[in-house]
Amino acid sequence: MNRPWLTRTPGHVVCQPDEFSYRTDLPVVEATATRSLAIDELTTVELRVTPGQHQLVIQYGDDHWVETIGLFDDAAPDLPILRRLPNPTGFATDFEVGCTVTSHSPRGLVKTLQHLLDRLDNAPLALCVQDPEEPSAITAACCHMDPVENTLMWWTWRTLPESGCVVRTRAQLHLTAVPQSIAA
């Protein structure tokens, strides 16, 4: 199956879930793989993934929002169980993010990965970096826009095959302006 959202690259970093940090104060950094989706004439979402971290970048006109989850030398580990921010940017009225860590047996991790790949196959915007030397080591993200609620929603996953853990985040950003259709 052709999966345009999949990039195979070595570089899996062995770590534990409690070593990750969540940041919104970093600039856009280089990435192994990127994909973007235009929501409307002003709004673009870009997923940026490397073996060690992911970024989600929302560009709205001249303003932007950058979410980064990864391993950082200059930050204490911190993944939000649940965090809400009112008015996080000039183009959003509300932001919510939550993180879960689940543990799996080797067989359970294989099943979880299959469900994840199916979800990425069906997402409007998805991106995944997989280590070819350790195929169960992935960093992935997907997102979609809910036009009824005017909310951009995204999910990220980082599998840690050494421990059988999956670090998963779910986030939503309620946009201030209603997206305008892109002119054909």
C-alpha atoms as a PDB file:
ATOM      1  CA  MET A   1       0.000   0.000   0.000  1.00  0.00           C
ATOM      2  CA  ASN A   2       1.292   3.434  -0.931  1.00  0.00           C
ATOM      3  CA  ARG A   3       1.400   5.633   2.164  1.00  0.00           C
ATOM      4  CA  PRO A   4       2.514   9.155   1.182  1.00  0.00           C
ATOM      5  CA  TRP A   5       2.517  10.170   4.839  1.00  0.00           C
ATOM      6  CA  LEU A   6       5.156   7.551   5.802  1.00  0.00           C
ATOM      7  CA  THR A   7       8.889   8.314   5.934  1.00  0.00           C
ATOM      8  CA  ARG A   8      11.348   5.614   6.902  1.00  0.00           C
ATOM      9  CA  THR A   9      14.489   6.966   8.522  1.00  0.00           C
ATOM     10  CA  PRO A  10      16.872   5.572  11.145  1.00  0.00           C
ATOM     11  CA  GLY A  11      17.414   7.410  14.371  1.00  0.00           C
ATOM     12  CA  HIS A  12      15.057   5.987  16.992  1.00  0.00           C
ATOM     13  CA  VAL A  13      16.055   7.335  20.389  1.00  0.00           C
ATOM     14  CA  VAL A  14      15.648   4.917  23.289  1.00  0.00           C
ATOM     15  CA  CYS A  15      13.904   6.758  26.128  1.00  0.00           C
ATOM     16  CA  GLN A  16      11.133   6.549  28.692  1.00  0.00           C
ATOM     17  CA  PRO A  17       7.750   8.340  28.517  1.00  0.00           C
ATOM     18  CA  ASP A  18       8.580  10.534  31.510  1.00  0.00           C
ATOM     19  CA  GLU A  19      11.524  12.090  29.629  1.00  0.00           C
ATOM     20  CA  PHE A  20       9.298  13.978  27.157  1.00  0.00           C
ATOM     21  CA  SER A  21       8.389  17.640  27.378  1.00  0.00           C
ATOM     22  CA  TYR A  22       5.560  19.646  25.878  1.00  0.00           C
ATOM     23  CA  ARG A  23       6.464  23.127  24.617  1.00  0.00           C
ATOM     24  CA  THR A  24       4.774  26.021  22.831  1.00  0.00           C
ATOM     25  CA  ASP A  25       7.701  28.428  23.118  1.00  0.00           C
ATOM     26  CA  LEU A  26       9.998  27.047  20.410  1.00  0.00           C
ATOM     27  CA  PRO A  27      10.446  28.207  16.827  1.00  0.00           C
ATOM     28  CA  VAL A  28       9.907  25.900  13.893  1.00  0.00           C
ATOM     29  CA  VAL A  29      12.865  23.496  13.697  1.00  0.00           C
ATOM     30  CA  GLU A  30      14.212  21.242  10.971  1.00  0.00           C
ATOM     31  CA  ALA A  31      12.301  18.028  10.452  1.00  0.00           C
ATOM     32  CA  THR A  32      12.874  14.697   8.758  1.00  0.00           C
ATOM     33  CA  ALA A  33       9.420  14.811   7.169  1.00  0.00           C
ATOM     34  CA  THR A  34       6.757  17.488   6.724  1.00  0.00           C
ATOM     35  CA  ARG A  35       3.247  17.646   5.317  1.00  0.00           C
ATOM     36  CA  SER A  36       0.806  20.520   5.231  1.00  0.00           C
ATOM     37  CA  LEU A  37      -2.844  21.197   4.564  1.00  0.00           C
ATOM     38  CA  ALA A  38      -4.515  24.501   3.681  1.00  0.00           C
ATOM     39  CA  ILE A  39      -7.630  24.901   5.812  1.00  0.00           C
ATOM     40  CA  ASP A  40      -8.648  28.124   4.083  1.00  0.00           C
ATOM     41  CA  GLU A  41      -7.058  31.164   2.422  1.00  0.00           C
ATOM     42  CA  LEU A  42      -5.509  32.315   5.722  1.00  0.00           C
ATOM     43  CA  THR A  43      -4.949  29.080   7.641  1.00  0.00           C
ATOM     44  CA  THR A  44      -2.397  26.337   6.995  1.00  0.00           C
ATOM     45  CA  VAL A  45      -1.507  23.402   9.233  1.00  0.00           C
ATOM     46  CA  GLU A  46       1.892  21.751   8.961  1.00  0.00           C
ATOM     47  CA  LEU A  47       3.024  18.546  10.653  1.00  0.00           C
ATOM     48  CA  ARG A  48       6.793  18.253  11.184  1.00  0.00           C
ATOM     49  CA  VAL A  49       8.240  14.971  12.483  1.00  0.00           C
ATOM     50  CA  THR A  50      11.707  13.657  13.343  1.00  0.00           C
ATOM     51  CA  PRO A  51      12.582  10.456  15.193  1.00  0.00           C
ATOM     52  CA  GLY A  52      12.955  12.456  18.436  1.00  0.00           C
ATOM     53  CA  GLN A  53      10.116  14.967  18.313  1.00  0.00           C
ATOM     54  CA  HIS A  54       7.158  16.350  16.444  1.00  0.00           C
ATOM     55  CA  GLN A  55       5.859  19.826  15.798  1.00  0.00           C
ATOM     56  CA  LEU A  56       2.478  21.046  14.729  1.00  0.00           C
ATOM     57  CA  VAL A  57       2.563  24.507  13.168  1.00  0.00           C
ATOM     58  CA  ILE A  58      -0.605  26.469  12.516  1.00  0.00           C
ATOM     59  CA  GLN A  59      -0.091  29.519  10.335  1.00  0.00           C
ATOM     60  CA  TYR A  60      -2.894  32.076  10.287  1.00  0.00           C
ATOM     61  CA  GLY A  61      -1.976  35.079   8.161  1.00  0.00           C
ATOM     62  CA  ASP A  62       1.137  36.518   9.804  1.00  0.00           C
ATOM     63  CA  ASP A  63       0.493  34.803  13.153  1.00  0.00           C
ATOM     64  CA  HIS A  64       1.318  31.206  14.106  1.00  0.00           C
ATOM     65  CA  TRP A  65       1.077  28.570  16.842  1.00  0.00           C
ATOM     66  CA  VAL A  66       3.845  25.998  17.306  1.00  0.00           C
ATOM     67  CA  GLU A  67       3.422  22.924  19.494  1.00  0.00           C
ATOM     68  CA  THR A  68       6.476  20.736  20.102  1.00  0.00           C
ATOM     69  CA  ILE A  69       6.751  17.443  21.948  1.00  0.00           C
ATOM     70  CA  GLY A  70      10.162  15.873  22.310  1.00  0.00           C
ATOM     71  CA  LEU A  71      13.287  15.363  24.374  1.00  0.00           C
ATOM     72  CA  PHE A  72      14.971  18.616  25.408  1.00  0.00           C
ATOM     73  CA  ASP A  73      18.161  19.283  27.340  1.00  0.00           C
ATOM     74  CA  ASP A  74      16.968  22.707  28.483  1.00  0.00           C
ATOM     75  CA  ALA A  75      13.541  21.748  29.855  1.00  0.00           C
ATOM     76  CA  ALA A  76      12.282  19.571  32.662  1.00  0.00           C
ATOM     77  CA  PRO A  77      10.155  16.645  31.467  1.00  0.00           C
ATOM     78  CA  ASP A  78       6.532  17.687  31.415  1.00  0.00           C
ATOM     79  CA  LEU A  79       3.644  16.129  29.523  1.00  0.00           C
ATOM     80  CA  PRO A  80       0.258  17.627  30.347  1.00  0.00           C
ATOM     81  CA  ILE A  81      -2.373  15.255  31.642  1.00  0.00           C
ATOM     82  CA  LEU A  82      -4.869  17.971  30.741  1.00  0.00           C
ATOM     83  CA  ARG A  83      -4.137  21.635  30.077  1.00  0.00           C
ATOM     84  CA  ARG A  84      -6.399  24.440  28.892  1.00  0.00           C
ATOM     85  CA  LEU A  85      -5.326  27.861  27.699  1.00  0.00           C
ATOM     86  CA  PRO A  86      -7.863  30.602  27.008  1.00  0.00           C
ATOM     87  CA  ASN A  87      -6.973  32.876  24.079  1.00  0.00           C
ATOM     88  CA  PRO A  88      -3.608  31.208  23.296  1.00  0.00           C
ATOM     89  CA  THR A  89      -3.157  33.258  20.106  1.00  0.00           C
ATOM     90  CA  GLY A  90      -4.830  36.104  18.292  1.00  0.00           C
ATOM     91  CA  PHE A  91      -6.639  33.631  16.039  1.00  0.00           C
ATOM     92  CA  ALA A  92      -7.902  31.149  18.655  1.00  0.00           C
ATOM     93  CA  THR A  93     -10.235  31.478  21.622  1.00  0.00           C
ATOM     94  CA  ASP A  94      -9.481  28.228  23.407  1.00  0.00           C
ATOM     95  CA  PHE A  95      -6.851  25.482  23.436  1.00  0.00           C
ATOM     96  CA  GLU A  96      -6.922  22.127  25.196  1.00  0.00           C
ATOM     97  CA  VAL A  97      -4.286  19.396  25.230  1.00  0.00           C
ATOM     98  CA  GLY A  98      -4.044  16.106  27.069  1.00  0.00           C
ATOM     99  CA  CYS A  99      -1.565  13.264  27.162  1.00  0.00           C
ATOM    100  CA  THR A 100      -1.845   9.594  28.005  1.00  0.00           C
ATOM    101  CA  VAL A 101       0.796   6.902  28.293  1.00  0.00           C
ATOM    102  CA  THR A 102      -0.263   3.299  27.789  1.00  0.00           C
ATOM    103  CA  SER A 103       1.779   0.110  28.256  1.00  0.00           C
ATOM    104  CA  HIS A 104       1.467  -2.853  25.913  1.00  0.00           C
ATOM    105  CA  SER A 105       2.771  -6.378  25.561  1.00  0.00           C
ATOM    106  CA  PRO A 106       4.751  -7.014  22.360  1.00  0.00           C
ATOM    107  CA  ARG A 107       1.604  -8.463  20.772  1.00  0.00           C
ATOM    108  CA  GLY A 108      -0.530  -5.575  22.047  1.00  0.00           C
ATOM    109  CA  LEU A 109       1.940  -3.047  20.641  1.00  0.00           C
ATOM    110  CA  VAL A 110       1.661  -4.665  17.189  1.00  0.00           C
ATOM    111  CA  LYS A 111      -2.149  -4.385  17.356  1.00  0.00           C
ATOM    112  CA  THR A 112      -1.938  -0.785  18.559  1.00  0.00           C
ATOM    113  CA  LEU A 113       0.407   0.085  15.682  1.00  0.00           C
ATOM    114  CA  GLN A 114      -1.981  -1.465  13.159  1.00  0.00           C
ATOM    115  CA  HIS A 115      -4.873   0.609  14.515  1.00  0.00           C
ATOM    116  CA  LEU A 116      -2.659   3.688  14.381  1.00  0.00           C
ATOM    117  CA  LEU A 117      -1.651   3.046  10.751  1.00  0.00           C
ATOM    118  CA  ASP A 118      -5.323   2.585   9.812  1.00  0.00           C
ATOM    119  CA  ARG A 119      -6.142   5.903  11.471  1.00  0.00           C
ATOM    120  CA  LEU A 120      -3.331   7.664   9.603  1.00  0.00           C
ATOM    121  CA  ASP A 121      -4.582   6.154   6.329  1.00  0.00           C
ATOM    122  CA  ASN A 122      -7.974   7.807   6.909  1.00  0.00           C
ATOM    123  CA  ALA A 123      -6.847  11.226   8.149  1.00  0.00           C
ATOM    124  CA  PRO A 124      -6.998  14.352   5.947  1.00  0.00           C
ATOM    125  CA  LEU A 125      -3.467  15.214   7.118  1.00  0.00           C
ATOM    126  CA  ALA A 126      -1.091  12.597   8.530  1.00  0.00           C
ATOM    127  CA  LEU A 127       2.622  12.095   8.934  1.00  0.00           C
ATOM    128  CA  CYS A 128       4.708   9.288  10.372  1.00  0.00           C
ATOM    129  CA  VAL A 129       8.436   8.644  10.763  1.00  0.00           C
ATOM    130  CA  GLN A 130       9.344   4.984  11.216  1.00  0.00           C
ATOM    131  CA  ASP A 131      12.777   3.572  11.990  1.00  0.00           C
ATOM    132  CA  PRO A 132      13.485   0.837   9.386  1.00  0.00           C
ATOM    133  CA  GLU A 133      15.772  -0.938  11.844  1.00  0.00           C
ATOM    134  CA  GLU A 134      13.060  -0.936  14.543  1.00  0.00           C
ATOM    135  CA  PRO A 135       9.712  -0.817  12.658  1.00  0.00           C
ATOM    136  CA  SER A 136       7.669  -0.570  15.857  1.00  0.00           C
ATOM    137  CA  ALA A 137       9.457   2.714  16.718  1.00  0.00           C
ATOM    138  CA  ILE A 138       7.381   5.511  15.240  1.00  0.00           C
ATOM    139  CA  THR A 139       6.586   9.160  15.760  1.00  0.00           C
ATOM    140  CA  ALA A 140       3.294  10.107  14.117  1.00  0.00           C
ATOM    141  CA  ALA A 141       0.702  12.858  13.969  1.00  0.00           C
ATOM    142  CA  CYS A 142      -2.611  13.495  12.236  1.00  0.00           C
ATOM    143  CA  CYS A 143      -5.178  16.267  12.255  1.00  0.00           C
ATOM    144  CA  HIS A 144      -8.463  17.401  10.829  1.00  0.00           C
ATOM    145  CA  MET A 145     -10.677  20.445  10.908  1.00  0.00           C
ATOM    146  CA  ASP A 146     -14.172  20.259  12.356  1.00  0.00           C
ATOM    147  CA  PRO A 147     -15.999  22.987  10.383  1.00  0.00           C
ATOM    148  CA  VAL A 148     -19.149  22.726  12.495  1.00  0.00           C
ATOM    149  CA  GLU A 149     -17.313  23.471  15.759  1.00  0.00           C
ATOM    150  CA  ASN A 150     -14.657  25.618  14.015  1.00  0.00           C
ATOM    151  CA  THR A 151     -12.023  23.550  15.795  1.00  0.00           C
ATOM    152  CA  LEU A 152      -8.735  22.126  14.581  1.00  0.00           C
ATOM    153  CA  MET A 153      -8.078  18.772  16.251  1.00  0.00           C
ATOM    154  CA  TRP A 154      -4.889  16.702  16.211  1.00  0.00           C
ATOM    155  CA  TRP A 155      -3.389  13.589  17.726  1.00  0.00           C
ATOM    156  CA  THR A 156       0.237  12.500  18.085  1.00  0.00           C
ATOM    157  CA  TRP A 157       1.864   9.206  18.969  1.00  0.00           C
ATOM    158  CA  ARG A 158       5.329   8.120  19.951  1.00  0.00           C
ATOM    159  CA  THR A 159       5.921   4.388  20.363  1.00  0.00           C
ATOM    160  CA  LEU A 160       8.693   3.179  22.625  1.00  0.00           C
ATOM    161  CA  PRO A 161       9.161  -0.503  21.738  1.00  0.00           C
ATOM    162  CA  GLU A 162      11.780  -1.111  24.448  1.00  0.00           C
ATOM    163  CA  SER A 163       9.170  -0.512  27.165  1.00  0.00           C
ATOM    164  CA  GLY A 164       6.037  -1.250  25.134  1.00  0.00           C
ATOM    165  CA  CYS A 165       4.750   2.254  25.893  1.00  0.00           C
ATOM    166  CA  VAL A 166       2.824   4.585  23.617  1.00  0.00           C
ATOM    167  CA  VAL A 167       2.811   8.312  24.391  1.00  0.00           C
ATOM    168  CA  ARG A 168      -0.341   9.837  22.886  1.00  0.00           C
ATOM    169  CA  THR A 169      -1.517  13.429  22.858  1.00  0.00           C
ATOM    170  CA  ARG A 170      -4.832  14.874  21.821  1.00  0.00           C
ATOM    171  CA  ALA A 171      -5.298  18.580  21.245  1.00  0.00           C
ATOM    172  CA  GLN A 172      -7.884  20.986  19.933  1.00  0.00           C
ATOM    173  CA  LEU A 173      -7.707  24.645  19.055  1.00  0.00           C
ATOM    174  CA  HIS A 174     -10.936  26.599  18.637  1.00  0.00           C
ATOM    175  CA  LEU A 175     -10.381  29.166  15.889  1.00  0.00           C
ATOM    176  CA  THR A 176     -11.739  32.698  16.205  1.00  0.00           C
ATOM    177  CA  ALA A 177     -12.580  33.172  12.529  1.00  0.00           C
ATOM    178  CA  VAL A 178     -14.724  30.729  10.601  1.00  0.00           C
ATOM    179  CA  PRO A 179     -12.559  29.180   7.846  1.00  0.00           C
ATOM    180  CA  GLN A 180     -13.309  30.531   4.379  1.00  0.00           C
ATOM    181  CA  SER A 181     -13.353  28.157   1.448  1.00  0.00           C
ATOM    182  CA  ILE A 182     -10.307  28.195  -0.772  1.00  0.00           C
ATOM    183  CA  ALA A 183     -11.159  29.678  -4.151  1.00  0.00           C
ATOM    184  CA  ALA A 184     -11.000  27.112  -6.935  1.00  0.00           C
END
